C-alpha atoms as a PDB file:
ATOM      1  CA  MET A   1      11.774  15.598  -8.326  1.00  0.00           C
ATOM      2  CA  ILE A   2      15.670  15.327  -6.741  1.00  0.00           C
ATOM      3  CA  GLU A   3      16.248  18.273  -4.800  1.00  0.00           C
ATOM      4  CA  LYS A   4      18.929  20.551  -6.664  1.00  0.00           C
ATOM      5  CA  GLU A   5      22.322  19.549  -5.451  1.00  0.00           C
ATOM      6  CA  ASP A   6      24.581  21.709  -3.066  1.00  0.00           C
ATOM      7  CA  PRO A   7      27.648  22.247  -4.838  1.00  0.00           C
ATOM      8  CA  VAL A   8      29.646  21.921  -1.467  1.00  0.00           C
ATOM      9  CA  ILE A   9      29.748  18.750   0.585  1.00  0.00           C
ATOM     10  CA  SER A  10      30.687  19.253   4.452  1.00  0.00           C
ATOM     11  CA  GLU A  11      33.446  17.412   6.148  1.00  0.00           C
ATOM     12  CA  GLU A  12      31.096  15.776   8.211  1.00  0.00           C
ATOM     13  CA  GLU A  13      29.304  13.826   5.361  1.00  0.00           C
ATOM     14  CA  ALA A  14      32.769  13.741   3.304  1.00  0.00           C
ATOM     15  CA  ALA A  15      33.633  11.421   6.098  1.00  0.00           C
ATOM     16  CA  GLN A  16      30.356   9.638   6.336  1.00  0.00           C
ATOM     17  CA  TYR A  17      30.343   8.472   2.918  1.00  0.00           C
ATOM     18  CA  ASP A  18      34.117   8.278   2.391  1.00  0.00           C
ATOM     19  CA  ARG A  19      33.532   4.613   0.847  1.00  0.00           C
ATOM     20  CA  GLN A  20      30.619   5.591  -1.418  1.00  0.00           C
ATOM     21  CA  ILE A  21      32.322   8.724  -3.037  1.00  0.00           C
ATOM     22  CA  ARG A  22      35.512   6.551  -3.764  1.00  0.00           C
ATOM     23  CA  LEU A  23      33.243   4.038  -5.245  1.00  0.00           C
ATOM     24  CA  TRP A  24      30.474   5.894  -7.458  1.00  0.00           C
ATOM     25  CA  GLY A  25      31.878   9.501  -7.194  1.00  0.00           C
ATOM     26  CA  LEU A  26      30.722  12.781  -5.572  1.00  0.00           C
ATOM     27  CA  ASP A  27      28.190  13.671  -8.146  1.00  0.00           C
ATOM     28  CA  ALA A  28      26.320  10.332  -7.519  1.00  0.00           C
ATOM     29  CA  GLN A  29      26.454  11.001  -3.812  1.00  0.00           C
ATOM     30  CA  LYS A  30      25.075  14.503  -4.459  1.00  0.00           C
ATOM     31  CA  ARG A  31      22.017  13.279  -6.502  1.00  0.00           C
ATOM     32  CA  LEU A  32      21.690  10.163  -3.467  1.00  0.00           C
ATOM     33  CA  ARG A  33      21.570  13.128  -0.645  1.00  0.00           C
ATOM     34  CA  GLY A  34      18.802  14.767  -2.566  1.00  0.00           C
ATOM     35  CA  SER A  35      16.414  12.259  -2.729  1.00  0.00           C
ATOM     36  CA  ARG A  36      13.375  11.045  -0.978  1.00  0.00           C
ATOM     37  CA  VAL A  37      12.380   7.499  -0.983  1.00  0.00           C
ATOM     38  CA  LEU A  38       9.142   5.655   0.426  1.00  0.00           C
ATOM     39  CA  LEU A  39       9.299   2.341   1.512  1.00  0.00           C
ATOM     40  CA  ALA A  40       6.414   0.232   2.338  1.00  0.00           C
ATOM     41  CA  GLY A  41       6.178  -3.189   3.880  1.00  0.00           C
ATOM     42  CA  LEU A  42       8.475  -3.778   7.116  1.00  0.00           C
ATOM     43  CA  GLY A  43       9.106  -7.187   7.231  1.00  0.00           C
ATOM     44  CA  GLY A  44      12.368  -9.156   7.021  1.00  0.00           C
ATOM     45  CA  LEU A  45      12.920  -7.776   3.234  1.00  0.00           C
ATOM     46  CA  GLY A  46      12.034  -4.199   4.069  1.00  0.00           C
ATOM     47  CA  ALA A  47      14.154  -3.890   7.354  1.00  0.00           C
ATOM     48  CA  GLU A  48      16.900  -5.027   4.981  1.00  0.00           C
ATOM     49  CA  VAL A  49      16.172  -2.691   2.034  1.00  0.00           C
ATOM     50  CA  ALA A  50      15.924   0.019   4.753  1.00  0.00           C
ATOM     51  CA  LYS A  51      19.434  -0.598   6.271  1.00  0.00           C
ATOM     52  CA  ASN A  52      20.646  -0.542   2.920  1.00  0.00           C
ATOM     53  CA  LEU A  53      19.201   3.017   1.621  1.00  0.00           C
ATOM     54  CA  ILE A  54      19.812   4.199   4.907  1.00  0.00           C
ATOM     55  CA  LEU A  55      23.522   3.785   4.995  1.00  0.00           C
ATOM     56  CA  ALA A  56      23.903   4.495   1.438  1.00  0.00           C
ATOM     57  CA  GLY A  57      22.735   8.398   2.384  1.00  0.00           C
ATOM     58  CA  VAL A  58      19.225   8.910   0.883  1.00  0.00           C
ATOM     59  CA  LYS A  59      17.844  12.521   1.981  1.00  0.00           C
ATOM     60  CA  GLY A  60      14.869  10.993   3.346  1.00  0.00           C
ATOM     61  CA  LEU A  61      13.347   7.470   3.912  1.00  0.00           C
ATOM     62  CA  THR A  62       9.598   7.026   4.553  1.00  0.00           C
ATOM     63  CA  LEU A  63       8.615   3.638   6.427  1.00  0.00           C
ATOM     64  CA  LEU A  64       4.937   2.601   5.935  1.00  0.00           C
ATOM     65  CA  ASP A  65       3.064  -0.245   7.349  1.00  0.00           C
ATOM     66  CA  HIS A  66      -0.189  -0.608   9.456  1.00  0.00           C
ATOM     67  CA  GLU A  67       0.787  -4.048  10.527  1.00  0.00           C
ATOM     68  CA  GLN A  68       1.647  -4.675  14.405  1.00  0.00           C
ATOM     69  CA  VAL A  69       4.690  -5.917  15.720  1.00  0.00           C
ATOM     70  CA  SER A  70       4.284 -10.144  16.025  1.00  0.00           C
ATOM     71  CA  GLU A  71       6.572 -12.659  17.224  1.00  0.00           C
ATOM     72  CA  GLU A  72       7.250 -13.685  13.703  1.00  0.00           C
ATOM     73  CA  SER A  73       8.100 -10.341  12.600  1.00  0.00           C
ATOM     74  CA  CYS A  74      10.747  -9.889  15.237  1.00  0.00           C
ATOM     75  CA  ARG A  75      12.319 -13.161  13.953  1.00  0.00           C
ATOM     76  CA  ALA A  76      12.156 -12.111  10.581  1.00  0.00           C
ATOM     77  CA  GLN A  77      13.618  -8.476  10.957  1.00  0.00           C
ATOM     78  CA  PHE A  78      16.174  -6.678  12.789  1.00  0.00           C
ATOM     79  CA  LEU A  79      14.689  -3.049  13.540  1.00  0.00           C
ATOM     80  CA  VAL A  80      12.104  -3.694  15.612  1.00  0.00           C
ATOM     81  CA  PRO A  81      13.097  -4.701  19.285  1.00  0.00           C
ATOM     82  CA  VAL A  82      11.405  -7.816  20.899  1.00  0.00           C
ATOM     83  CA  THR A  83       9.904  -5.597  23.813  1.00  0.00           C
ATOM     84  CA  ALA A  84       7.922  -4.082  20.428  1.00  0.00           C
ATOM     85  CA  GLN A  85       5.011  -6.411  20.463  1.00  0.00           C
ATOM     86  CA  GLY A  86       1.801  -5.539  19.795  1.00  0.00           C
ATOM     87  CA  GLN A  87       3.049  -1.656  18.475  1.00  0.00           C
ATOM     88  CA  ASN A  88       2.906  -0.287  15.008  1.00  0.00           C
ATOM     89  CA  LEU A  89       5.359  -1.775  12.791  1.00  0.00           C
ATOM     90  CA  ALA A  90       6.690   1.189  11.137  1.00  0.00           C
ATOM     91  CA  LYS A  91       6.691   2.912  14.613  1.00  0.00           C
ATOM     92  CA  ALA A  92       8.569   0.443  16.477  1.00  0.00           C
ATOM     93  CA  SER A  93      11.339   0.560  13.682  1.00  0.00           C
ATOM     94  CA  LEU A  94      11.955   4.054  13.737  1.00  0.00           C
ATOM     95  CA  GLU A  95      14.300   4.195  16.257  1.00  0.00           C
ATOM     96  CA  ARG A  96      17.118   1.429  14.993  1.00  0.00           C
ATOM     97  CA  ALA A  97      16.439   2.470  11.717  1.00  0.00           C
ATOM     98  CA  GLN A  98      17.405   6.367  12.663  1.00  0.00           C
ATOM     99  CA  ASN A  99      20.445   5.180  14.505  1.00  0.00           C
ATOM    100  CA  LEU A 100      22.017   3.636  11.598  1.00  0.00           C
ATOM    101  CA  ASN A 101      22.701   6.992   9.722  1.00  0.00           C
ATOM    102  CA  PRO A 102      21.755  10.525  11.732  1.00  0.00           C
ATOM    103  CA  MET A 103      22.333  12.268   8.373  1.00  0.00           C
ATOM    104  CA  VAL A 104      19.091  10.683   6.700  1.00  0.00           C
ATOM    105  CA  LYS A 105      15.883  12.082   7.942  1.00  0.00           C
ATOM    106  CA  VAL A 106      13.838   8.820   8.566  1.00  0.00           C
ATOM    107  CA  HIS A 107       9.927   8.853   9.417  1.00  0.00           C
ATOM    108  CA  ALA A 108       7.469   6.271  10.256  1.00  0.00           C
ATOM    109  CA  ASP A 109       3.900   6.032   9.021  1.00  0.00           C
ATOM    110  CA  PRO A 110       1.475   3.630  10.494  1.00  0.00           C
ATOM    111  CA  ASP A 111      -1.389   4.205   7.713  1.00  0.00           C
ATOM    112  CA  ARG A 112      -2.542   1.458   5.240  1.00  0.00           C
ATOM    113  CA  ILE A 113      -1.104   1.889   2.046  1.00  0.00           C
ATOM    114  CA  GLU A 114      -4.665   0.713   0.365  1.00  0.00           C
ATOM    115  CA  ASP A 115      -5.782   4.311   1.990  1.00  0.00           C
ATOM    116  CA  LYS A 116      -3.080   6.560   0.752  1.00  0.00           C
ATOM    117  CA  PRO A 117      -4.909   9.480  -1.780  1.00  0.00           C
ATOM    118  CA  ASP A 118      -2.490   9.362  -5.613  1.00  0.00           C
ATOM    119  CA  ASP A 119      -0.812  12.800  -4.180  1.00  0.00           C
ATOM    120  CA  PHE A 120       0.971  11.052  -1.297  1.00  0.00           C
ATOM    121  CA  PHE A 121       3.325   8.906  -3.714  1.00  0.00           C
ATOM    122  CA  LEU A 122       3.971  12.146  -5.736  1.00  0.00           C
ATOM    123  CA  GLN A 123       6.390  13.521  -2.988  1.00  0.00           C
ATOM    124  CA  PHE A 124       8.856  10.632  -3.563  1.00  0.00           C
ATOM    125  CA  ASP A 125      11.501  10.138  -5.930  1.00  0.00           C
ATOM    126  CA  ALA A 126      11.418   6.495  -5.733  1.00  0.00           C
ATOM    127  CA  VAL A 127       8.708   3.930  -4.366  1.00  0.00           C
ATOM    128  CA  CYS A 128       9.559   0.693  -3.110  1.00  0.00           C
ATOM    129  CA  LEU A 129       6.790  -1.738  -2.489  1.00  0.00           C
ATOM    130  CA  THR A 130       7.128  -4.974   0.007  1.00  0.00           C
ATOM    131  CA  GLY A 131       4.187  -7.266   0.561  1.00  0.00           C
ATOM    132  CA  CYS A 132       1.682  -5.494  -1.301  1.00  0.00           C
ATOM    133  CA  SER A 133      -1.005  -6.886  -3.615  1.00  0.00           C
ATOM    134  CA  ARG A 134      -0.651  -7.254  -6.981  1.00  0.00           C
ATOM    135  CA  ASP A 135      -3.384  -5.173  -7.903  1.00  0.00           C
ATOM    136  CA  LEU A 136      -1.846  -1.916  -5.669  1.00  0.00           C
ATOM    137  CA  MET A 137       1.449  -2.517  -7.213  1.00  0.00           C
ATOM    138  CA  ILE A 138       0.041  -2.117 -10.538  1.00  0.00           C
ATOM    139  CA  ARG A 139      -1.865   0.912  -9.643  1.00  0.00           C
ATOM    140  CA  VAL A 140       1.214   2.913  -7.835  1.00  0.00           C
ATOM    141  CA  ASP A 141       3.027   1.931 -10.621  1.00  0.00           C
ATOM    142  CA  GLN A 142       1.007   3.186 -13.283  1.00  0.00           C
ATOM    143  CA  LEU A 143       0.645   6.545 -11.224  1.00  0.00           C
ATOM    144  CA  CYS A 144       4.572   6.702 -10.443  1.00  0.00           C
ATOM    145  CA  SER A 145       5.066   6.407 -14.343  1.00  0.00           C
ATOM    146  CA  LYS A 146       3.160   9.183 -15.606  1.00  0.00           C
ATOM    147  CA  HIS A 147       4.872  11.241 -13.076  1.00  0.00           C
ATOM    148  CA  ASN A 148       8.657  10.120 -13.966  1.00  0.00           C
ATOM    149  CA  ILE A 149       8.801   8.055 -10.269  1.00  0.00           C
ATOM    150  CA  LYS A 150      10.990   5.674 -10.183  1.00  0.00           C
ATOM    151  CA  VAL A 151       9.105   2.198  -9.078  1.00  0.00           C
ATOM    152  CA  PHE A 152      10.757  -1.239  -7.346  1.00  0.00           C
ATOM    153  CA  CYS A 153       8.507  -3.970  -5.763  1.00  0.00           C
ATOM    154  CA  GLY A 154       9.888  -7.035  -4.113  1.00  0.00           C
ATOM    155  CA  ASP A 155       8.866  -9.919  -1.837  1.00  0.00           C
ATOM    156  CA  VAL A 156      10.547 -13.015  -0.621  1.00  0.00           C
ATOM    157  CA  TYR A 157       8.407 -16.499   0.087  1.00  0.00           C
ATOM    158  CA  GLY A 158      10.683 -19.005   1.630  1.00  0.00           C
ATOM    159  CA  TYR A 159      13.562 -19.901  -0.252  1.00  0.00           C
ATOM    160  CA  TYR A 160      12.477 -17.627  -3.312  1.00  0.00           C
ATOM    161  CA  GLY A 161      12.774 -13.957  -3.512  1.00  0.00           C
ATOM    162  CA  TYR A 162      12.234 -11.356  -6.530  1.00  0.00           C
ATOM    163  CA  MET A 163      12.355  -7.931  -7.273  1.00  0.00           C
ATOM    164  CA  PHE A 164      11.142  -5.717  -9.928  1.00  0.00           C
ATOM    165  CA  CYS A 165      11.953  -2.584 -10.961  1.00  0.00           C
ATOM    166  CA  ASN A 166      10.468   0.349 -13.557  1.00  0.00           C
ATOM    167  CA  LEU A 167      12.293   3.524 -14.104  1.00  0.00           C
ATOM    168  CA  GLY A 168      10.383   5.030 -17.212  1.00  0.00           C
ATOM    169  CA  GLN A 169      10.853   5.244 -20.740  1.00  0.00           C
ATOM    170  CA  ALA A 170      14.201   6.777 -20.686  1.00  0.00           C
ATOM    171  CA  HIS A 171      16.672   6.287 -17.877  1.00  0.00           C
ATOM    172  CA  ASN A 172      19.886   7.831 -17.995  1.00  0.00           C
ATOM    173  CA  TYR A 173      22.884   6.919 -16.282  1.00  0.00           C
ATOM    174  CA  VAL A 174      26.775   6.651 -16.743  1.00  0.00           C
ATOM    175  CA  GLU A 175      28.878   3.830 -16.868  1.00  0.00           C
ATOM    176  CA  GLU A 176      32.594   3.152 -16.387  1.00  0.00           C
ATOM    177  CA  LYS A 177      34.118   1.623 -18.984  1.00  0.00           C
ATOM    178  CA  PRO A 178      37.948   0.752 -19.553  1.00  0.00           C
ATOM    179  CA  LYS A 179      39.046   3.513 -22.200  1.00  0.00           C
ATOM    180  CA  VAL A 180      40.342   2.527 -25.645  1.00  0.00           C
ATOM    181  CA  VAL A 181      43.364   4.410 -26.906  1.00  0.00           C
ATOM    182  CA  LYS A 182      43.002   4.935 -30.669  1.00  0.00           C
ATOM    183  CA  PRO A 183      46.351   4.292 -32.201  1.00  0.00           C
ATOM    184  CA  SER A 184      48.383   7.255 -33.844  1.00  0.00           C
ATOM    185  CA  GLY A 185      48.650   7.808 -37.537  1.00  0.00           C
ATOM    186  CA  GLU A 186      52.013   7.901 -37.743  1.00  0.00           C
ATOM    187  CA  SER A 187      52.451   4.331 -36.452  1.00  0.00           C
ATOM    188  CA  ASN A 188      54.826   1.754 -38.712  1.00  0.00           C
ATOM    189  CA  ASP A 189      54.553  -1.125 -36.930  1.00  0.00           C
ATOM    190  CA  GLY A 190      52.124  -3.059 -39.063  1.00  0.00           C
ATOM    191  CA  PRO A 191      48.435  -3.802 -39.174  1.00  0.00           C
ATOM    192  CA  LYS A 192      48.583  -4.631 -35.422  1.00  0.00           C
ATOM    193  CA  ALA A 193      49.355  -1.037 -34.187  1.00  0.00           C
ATOM    194  CA  LYS A 194      46.668   0.544 -36.178  1.00  0.00           C
ATOM    195  CA  LYS A 195      43.988  -0.936 -34.119  1.00  0.00           C
ATOM    196  CA  ALA A 196      42.277   0.430 -31.249  1.00  0.00           C
ATOM    197  CA  LYS A 197      43.448  -0.883 -27.950  1.00  0.00           C
ATOM    198  CA  VAL A 198      42.197  -1.280 -24.415  1.00  0.00           C
ATOM    199  CA  ASP A 199      44.164   0.363 -21.813  1.00  0.00           C
ATOM    200  CA  PRO A 200      43.036  -1.117 -18.483  1.00  0.00           C
ATOM    201  CA  ASN A 201      45.115   1.418 -16.307  1.00  0.00           C
ATOM    202  CA  GLU A 202      42.337   4.628 -17.335  1.00  0.00           C
ATOM    203  CA  THR A 203      38.733   4.491 -17.383  1.00  0.00           C
ATOM    204  CA  THR A 204      36.106   6.860 -19.341  1.00  0.00           C
ATOM    205  CA  MET A 205      32.458   7.455 -18.079  1.00  0.00           C
ATOM    206  CA  VAL A 206      30.278   6.352 -21.144  1.00  0.00           C
ATOM    207  CA  LYS A 207      26.620   8.095 -21.041  1.00  0.00           C
ATOM    208  CA  LYS A 208      23.745   5.272 -21.527  1.00  0.00           C
ATOM    209  CA  THR A 209      19.814   5.312 -21.581  1.00  0.00           C
ATOM    210  CA  ALA A 210      17.802   2.452 -20.928  1.00  0.00           C
ATOM    211  CA  SER A 211      14.066   2.376 -21.123  1.00  0.00           C
ATOM    212  CA  PHE A 212      11.452  -0.407 -19.120  1.00  0.00           C
ATOM    213  CA  CYS A 213       8.237  -1.451 -19.136  1.00  0.00           C
ATOM    214  CA  THR A 214       5.210  -0.987 -16.483  1.00  0.00           C
ATOM    215  CA  LEU A 215       4.400  -3.999 -14.002  1.00  0.00           C
ATOM    216  CA  LYS A 216       1.215  -4.758 -15.670  1.00  0.00           C
ATOM    217  CA  GLU A 217       3.065  -4.833 -19.001  1.00  0.00           C
ATOM    218  CA  ALA A 218       5.659  -7.462 -17.480  1.00  0.00           C
ATOM    219  CA  LEU A 219       2.893  -9.710 -15.796  1.00  0.00           C
ATOM    220  CA  ALA A 220       0.645  -9.851 -18.683  1.00  0.00           C
ATOM    221  CA  VAL A 221       2.902 -11.315 -21.697  1.00  0.00           C
ATOM    222  CA  ASP A 222       1.076 -13.333 -24.181  1.00  0.00           C
ATOM    223  CA  TRP A 223       2.463 -16.834 -24.122  1.00  0.00           C
ATOM    224  CA  THR A 224       0.438 -17.993 -27.351  1.00  0.00           C
ATOM    225  CA  SER A 225       2.519 -15.164 -29.374  1.00  0.00           C
ATOM    226  CA  GLU A 226       5.556 -16.858 -31.503  1.00  0.00           C
ATOM    227  CA  LYS A 227       8.022 -14.503 -29.848  1.00  0.00           C
ATOM    228  CA  ALA A 228       6.579 -15.424 -26.292  1.00  0.00           C
ATOM    229  CA  LYS A 229       7.213 -19.161 -27.211  1.00  0.00           C
ATOM    230  CA  ALA A 230      10.314 -18.908 -28.796  1.00  0.00           C
ATOM    231  CA  GLY A 231      11.686 -17.922 -25.541  1.00  0.00           C
ATOM    232  CA  LEU A 232       9.643 -20.000 -23.195  1.00  0.00           C
ATOM    233  CA  LYS A 233      12.886 -21.950 -22.620  1.00  0.00           C
ATOM    234  CA  ARG A 234      14.851 -19.135 -21.405  1.00  0.00           C
ATOM    235  CA  THR A 235      12.213 -17.956 -19.008  1.00  0.00           C
ATOM    236  CA  PRO A 236      13.092 -18.866 -15.430  1.00  0.00           C
ATOM    237  CA  VAL A 237      10.338 -20.856 -13.736  1.00  0.00           C
ATOM    238  CA  ASP A 238      10.350 -18.156 -11.092  1.00  0.00           C
ATOM    239  CA  TYR A 239       8.392 -15.730 -12.858  1.00  0.00           C
ATOM    240  CA  PHE A 240       5.506 -18.352 -13.283  1.00  0.00           C
ATOM    241  CA  LEU A 241       6.185 -19.128  -9.642  1.00  0.00           C
ATOM    242  CA  LEU A 242       5.774 -15.535  -8.872  1.00  0.00           C
ATOM    243  CA  GLN A 243       2.354 -15.234 -10.904  1.00  0.00           C
ATOM    244  CA  VAL A 244       1.181 -17.758  -8.348  1.00  0.00           C
ATOM    245  CA  LEU A 245       2.163 -16.646  -5.458  1.00  0.00           C
ATOM    246  CA  LEU A 246       0.399 -13.166  -5.950  1.00  0.00           C
ATOM    247  CA  LYS A 247      -2.459 -14.878  -6.940  1.00  0.00           C
ATOM    248  CA  PHE A 248      -2.482 -16.514  -3.686  1.00  0.00           C
ATOM    249  CA  ARG A 249      -2.085 -13.051  -1.980  1.00  0.00           C
ATOM    250  CA  THR A 250      -5.203 -11.883  -3.879  1.00  0.00           C
ATOM    251  CA  ASP A 251      -7.414 -14.573  -3.012  1.00  0.00           C
ATOM    252  CA  LYS A 252      -6.363 -14.992   0.709  1.00  0.00           C
ATOM    253  CA  GLY A 253      -5.403 -11.544   1.720  1.00  0.00           C
ATOM    254  CA  ARG A 254      -1.890 -12.947   2.992  1.00  0.00           C
ATOM    255  CA  ASP A 255       1.069 -15.031   2.077  1.00  0.00           C
ATOM    256  CA  PRO A 256       1.287 -18.989   2.466  1.00  0.00           C
ATOM    257  CA  ASP A 257       1.172 -19.759   6.301  1.00  0.00           C
ATOM    258  CA  PRO A 258       3.264 -22.675   7.864  1.00  0.00           C
ATOM    259  CA  GLN A 259       0.546 -23.062  10.243  1.00  0.00           C
ATOM    260  CA  SER A 260      -1.979 -23.919   7.667  1.00  0.00           C
ATOM    261  CA  PHE A 261       0.424 -26.102   5.728  1.00  0.00           C
ATOM    262  CA  PRO A 262      -1.893 -28.484   4.341  1.00  0.00           C
ATOM    263  CA  GLU A 263      -4.510 -26.381   3.402  1.00  0.00           C
ATOM    264  CA  ASP A 264      -2.108 -23.967   1.545  1.00  0.00           C
ATOM    265  CA  SER A 265      -0.401 -26.516  -0.146  1.00  0.00           C
ATOM    266  CA  GLN A 266      -3.921 -27.490  -1.526  1.00  0.00           C
ATOM    267  CA  LEU A 267      -4.472 -24.081  -2.717  1.00  0.00           C
ATOM    268  CA  LEU A 268      -1.286 -23.231  -4.086  1.00  0.00           C
ATOM    269  CA  ARG A 269      -1.168 -26.780  -6.250  1.00  0.00           C
ATOM    270  CA  GLN A 270      -4.773 -25.223  -7.522  1.00  0.00           C
ATOM    271  CA  ILE A 271      -3.776 -22.007  -8.227  1.00  0.00           C
ATOM    272  CA  ARG A 272      -0.894 -23.082  -9.784  1.00  0.00           C
ATOM    273  CA  ASP A 273      -3.043 -25.427 -12.458  1.00  0.00           C
ATOM    274  CA  ASP A 274      -5.605 -22.452 -12.609  1.00  0.00           C
ATOM    275  CA  VAL A 275      -2.617 -19.599 -13.452  1.00  0.00           C
ATOM    276  CA  LEU A 276      -0.765 -21.827 -15.857  1.00  0.00           C
ATOM    277  CA  GLU A 277      -4.029 -22.665 -17.904  1.00  0.00           C
ATOM    278  CA  SER A 278      -4.920 -18.973 -18.271  1.00  0.00           C
ATOM    279  CA  LEU A 279      -1.631 -18.462 -19.566  1.00  0.00           C
ATOM    280  CA  SER A 280      -2.371 -21.645 -22.023  1.00  0.00           C
ATOM    281  CA  LEU A 281       1.004 -22.837 -20.644  1.00  0.00           C
ATOM    282  CA  ASN A 282       0.960 -26.814 -19.326  1.00  0.00           C
ATOM    283  CA  SER A 283       0.846 -27.342 -15.478  1.00  0.00           C
ATOM    284  CA  ASP A 284       4.281 -29.200 -15.468  1.00  0.00           C
ATOM    285  CA  LEU A 285       6.202 -26.092 -16.132  1.00  0.00           C
ATOM    286  CA  LEU A 286       5.958 -25.547 -12.464  1.00  0.00           C
ATOM    287  CA  ASN A 287       6.357 -28.940 -10.522  1.00  0.00           C
ATOM    288  CA  ASP A 288       5.048 -29.577  -7.299  1.00  0.00           C
ATOM    289  CA  ASP A 289       8.472 -29.107  -5.728  1.00  0.00           C
ATOM    290  CA  PHE A 290       7.966 -25.555  -4.858  1.00  0.00           C
ATOM    291  CA  ILE A 291       4.964 -25.754  -2.728  1.00  0.00           C
ATOM    292  CA  SER A 292       7.697 -27.238   0.443  1.00  0.00           C
ATOM    293  CA  TYR A 293       9.782 -24.074  -0.216  1.00  0.00           C
ATOM    294  CA  CYS A 294       7.647 -20.628  -0.379  1.00  0.00           C
ATOM    295  CA  PHE A 295       6.257 -20.670   3.212  1.00  0.00           C
ATOM    296  CA  SER A 296       7.586 -17.516   5.428  1.00  0.00           C
ATOM    297  CA  GLU A 297      10.489 -14.829   4.978  1.00  0.00           C
ATOM    298  CA  MET A 298      13.650 -16.254   5.421  1.00  0.00           C
ATOM    299  CA  SER A 299      16.398 -14.296   6.867  1.00  0.00           C
ATOM    300  CA  PRO A 300      19.426 -14.999   4.644  1.00  0.00           C
ATOM    301  CA  VAL A 301      17.300 -14.733   1.462  1.00  0.00           C
ATOM    302  CA  CYS A 302      15.662 -11.251   2.964  1.00  0.00           C
ATOM    303  CA  ALA A 303      19.388 -10.223   2.968  1.00  0.00           C
ATOM    304  CA  VAL A 304      20.450 -11.441  -0.627  1.00  0.00           C
ATOM    305  CA  VAL A 305      17.078 -10.072  -2.042  1.00  0.00           C
ATOM    306  CA  GLY A 306      17.160  -6.578   0.061  1.00  0.00           C
ATOM    307  CA  GLY A 307      20.968  -5.916  -1.101  1.00  0.00           C
ATOM    308  CA  VAL A 308      20.153  -6.488  -4.729  1.00  0.00           C
ATOM    309  CA  LEU A 309      16.998  -4.084  -4.083  1.00  0.00           C
ATOM    310  CA  GLY A 310      18.885  -1.725  -2.277  1.00  0.00           C
ATOM    311  CA  GLN A 311      21.614  -1.494  -4.469  1.00  0.00           C
ATOM    312  CA  GLU A 312      18.898  -0.824  -7.371  1.00  0.00           C
ATOM    313  CA  VAL A 313      17.678   1.898  -6.009  1.00  0.00           C
ATOM    314  CA  VAL A 314      20.777   3.466  -5.089  1.00  0.00           C
ATOM    315  CA  LYS A 315      22.074   2.987  -8.741  1.00  0.00           C
ATOM    316  CA  ALA A 316      18.802   4.556 -10.223  1.00  0.00           C
ATOM    317  CA  LEU A 317      18.774   7.719  -7.891  1.00  0.00           C
ATOM    318  CA  SER A 318      22.657   8.668  -8.425  1.00  0.00           C
ATOM    319  CA  GLN A 319      22.373   7.455 -12.031  1.00  0.00           C
ATOM    320  CA  ARG A 320      25.344   5.365 -12.047  1.00  0.00           C
ATOM    321  CA  ASP A 321      26.195   1.883 -13.800  1.00  0.00           C
ATOM    322  CA  ALA A 322      23.620   0.106 -15.476  1.00  0.00           C
ATOM    323  CA  PRO A 323      20.184  -1.110 -13.863  1.00  0.00           C
ATOM    324  CA  HIS A 324      18.391  -4.361 -13.861  1.00  0.00           C
ATOM    325  CA  ARG A 325      15.804  -4.769 -16.476  1.00  0.00           C
ATOM    326  CA  ASN A 326      13.620  -5.500 -14.943  1.00  0.00           C
ATOM    327  CA  PHE A 327      13.338  -8.370 -13.047  1.00  0.00           C
ATOM    328  CA  PHE A 328      15.904 -10.272 -10.785  1.00  0.00           C
ATOM    329  CA  PHE A 329      14.544 -13.793  -9.437  1.00  0.00           C
ATOM    330  CA  PHE A 330      16.631 -15.674  -6.377  1.00  0.00           C
ATOM    331  CA  ASP A 331      16.357 -19.373  -5.775  1.00  0.00           C
ATOM    332  CA  GLY A 332      17.870 -19.744  -2.402  1.00  0.00           C
ATOM    333  CA  ARG A 333      17.709 -23.506  -2.833  1.00  0.00           C
ATOM    334  CA  LYS A 334      20.572 -23.337  -5.881  1.00  0.00           C
ATOM    335  CA  GLY A 335      22.360 -20.038  -4.162  1.00  0.00           C
ATOM    336  CA  ASN A 336      21.896 -18.079  -7.441  1.00  0.00           C
ATOM    337  CA  GLY A 337      19.799 -15.128  -9.348  1.00  0.00           C
ATOM    338  CA  VAL A 338      18.419 -14.531 -12.467  1.00  0.00           C
ATOM    339  CA  VAL A 339      18.094 -11.267 -14.043  1.00  0.00           C
ATOM    340  CA  ASP A 340      15.254 -11.136 -17.098  1.00  0.00           C
ATOM    341  CA  TYR A 341      13.223  -8.856 -18.886  1.00  0.00           C
ATOM    342  CA  PHE A 342       9.294  -9.188 -19.543  1.00  0.00           C
ATOM    343  CA  GLY A 343       7.218  -6.956 -21.768  1.00  0.00           C
ATOM    344  CA  PRO A 344       7.913  -4.878 -24.817  1.00  0.00           C
ATOM    345  CA  ASN A 345      10.930  -3.759 -26.352  1.00  0.00           C
END
């Protein structure tokens, strides 16, 4: 659906996107500026993703959120002014978002994403979902997969964060690699001269293809299978934590709230036991420590996960560099992230 690239880039665009063009090339930038993106959820993570996509130079970005600005949302994200409490979150974020880059068409939509018909999502080249329920994310992901629309999901829960991407069965991209210099047949320098050498001063662009599974497949791994059991030790515990937090959101219609810490802590513990039992796994796999660290959105974690998520959207739309396949998990307590794949190969 990405629009046909304009063969000529204006001087104003060249100046605005000079750094990006030097980094990933003119062709990649042209693909970006022909792309329309939907961003659902304008919490702390959503604001970070919006900033990164607008500065990167997509053609258009739609901000979708039906929630109202609260005191907490003013603290969690930087696009809404403190005077906007009570207003729609998407509309209140519009002015500052647009001011980041006048060349990007930013639109605010105050509707509930659950009320949007299927046709609404088909106008975009990429859909990024934050703060959404598991059922909704699966519904949108399955819909977009059928129409070759790239899907990204992400959330931040206290010190924890994740992102998921589904770029389809065959995502084509190019990757810059050091150039391999083949030896000439006339060399008399012995066996070593006949070996190919890598020239660090020259690079070449290599075309590659990656395949992705749907979110439903990634969340429905059969852990009783021998293959899954063999990979259990290498599986980040954050994957199972995500299953617990998504179940909490489904059951309660919200995320864990610091103001309900005693009640929510008990519920998280019970959901942990239920989820792991349903997966035929021992509850010791996810100890009780996680409960103290998964309340509210923490701005530093939003910045890290939002940076990764925004960059993955940019890479996918520009078709430049290898994408994450398909989960990225971040644990702010350890200060590191893990990339892993779940689903059929």
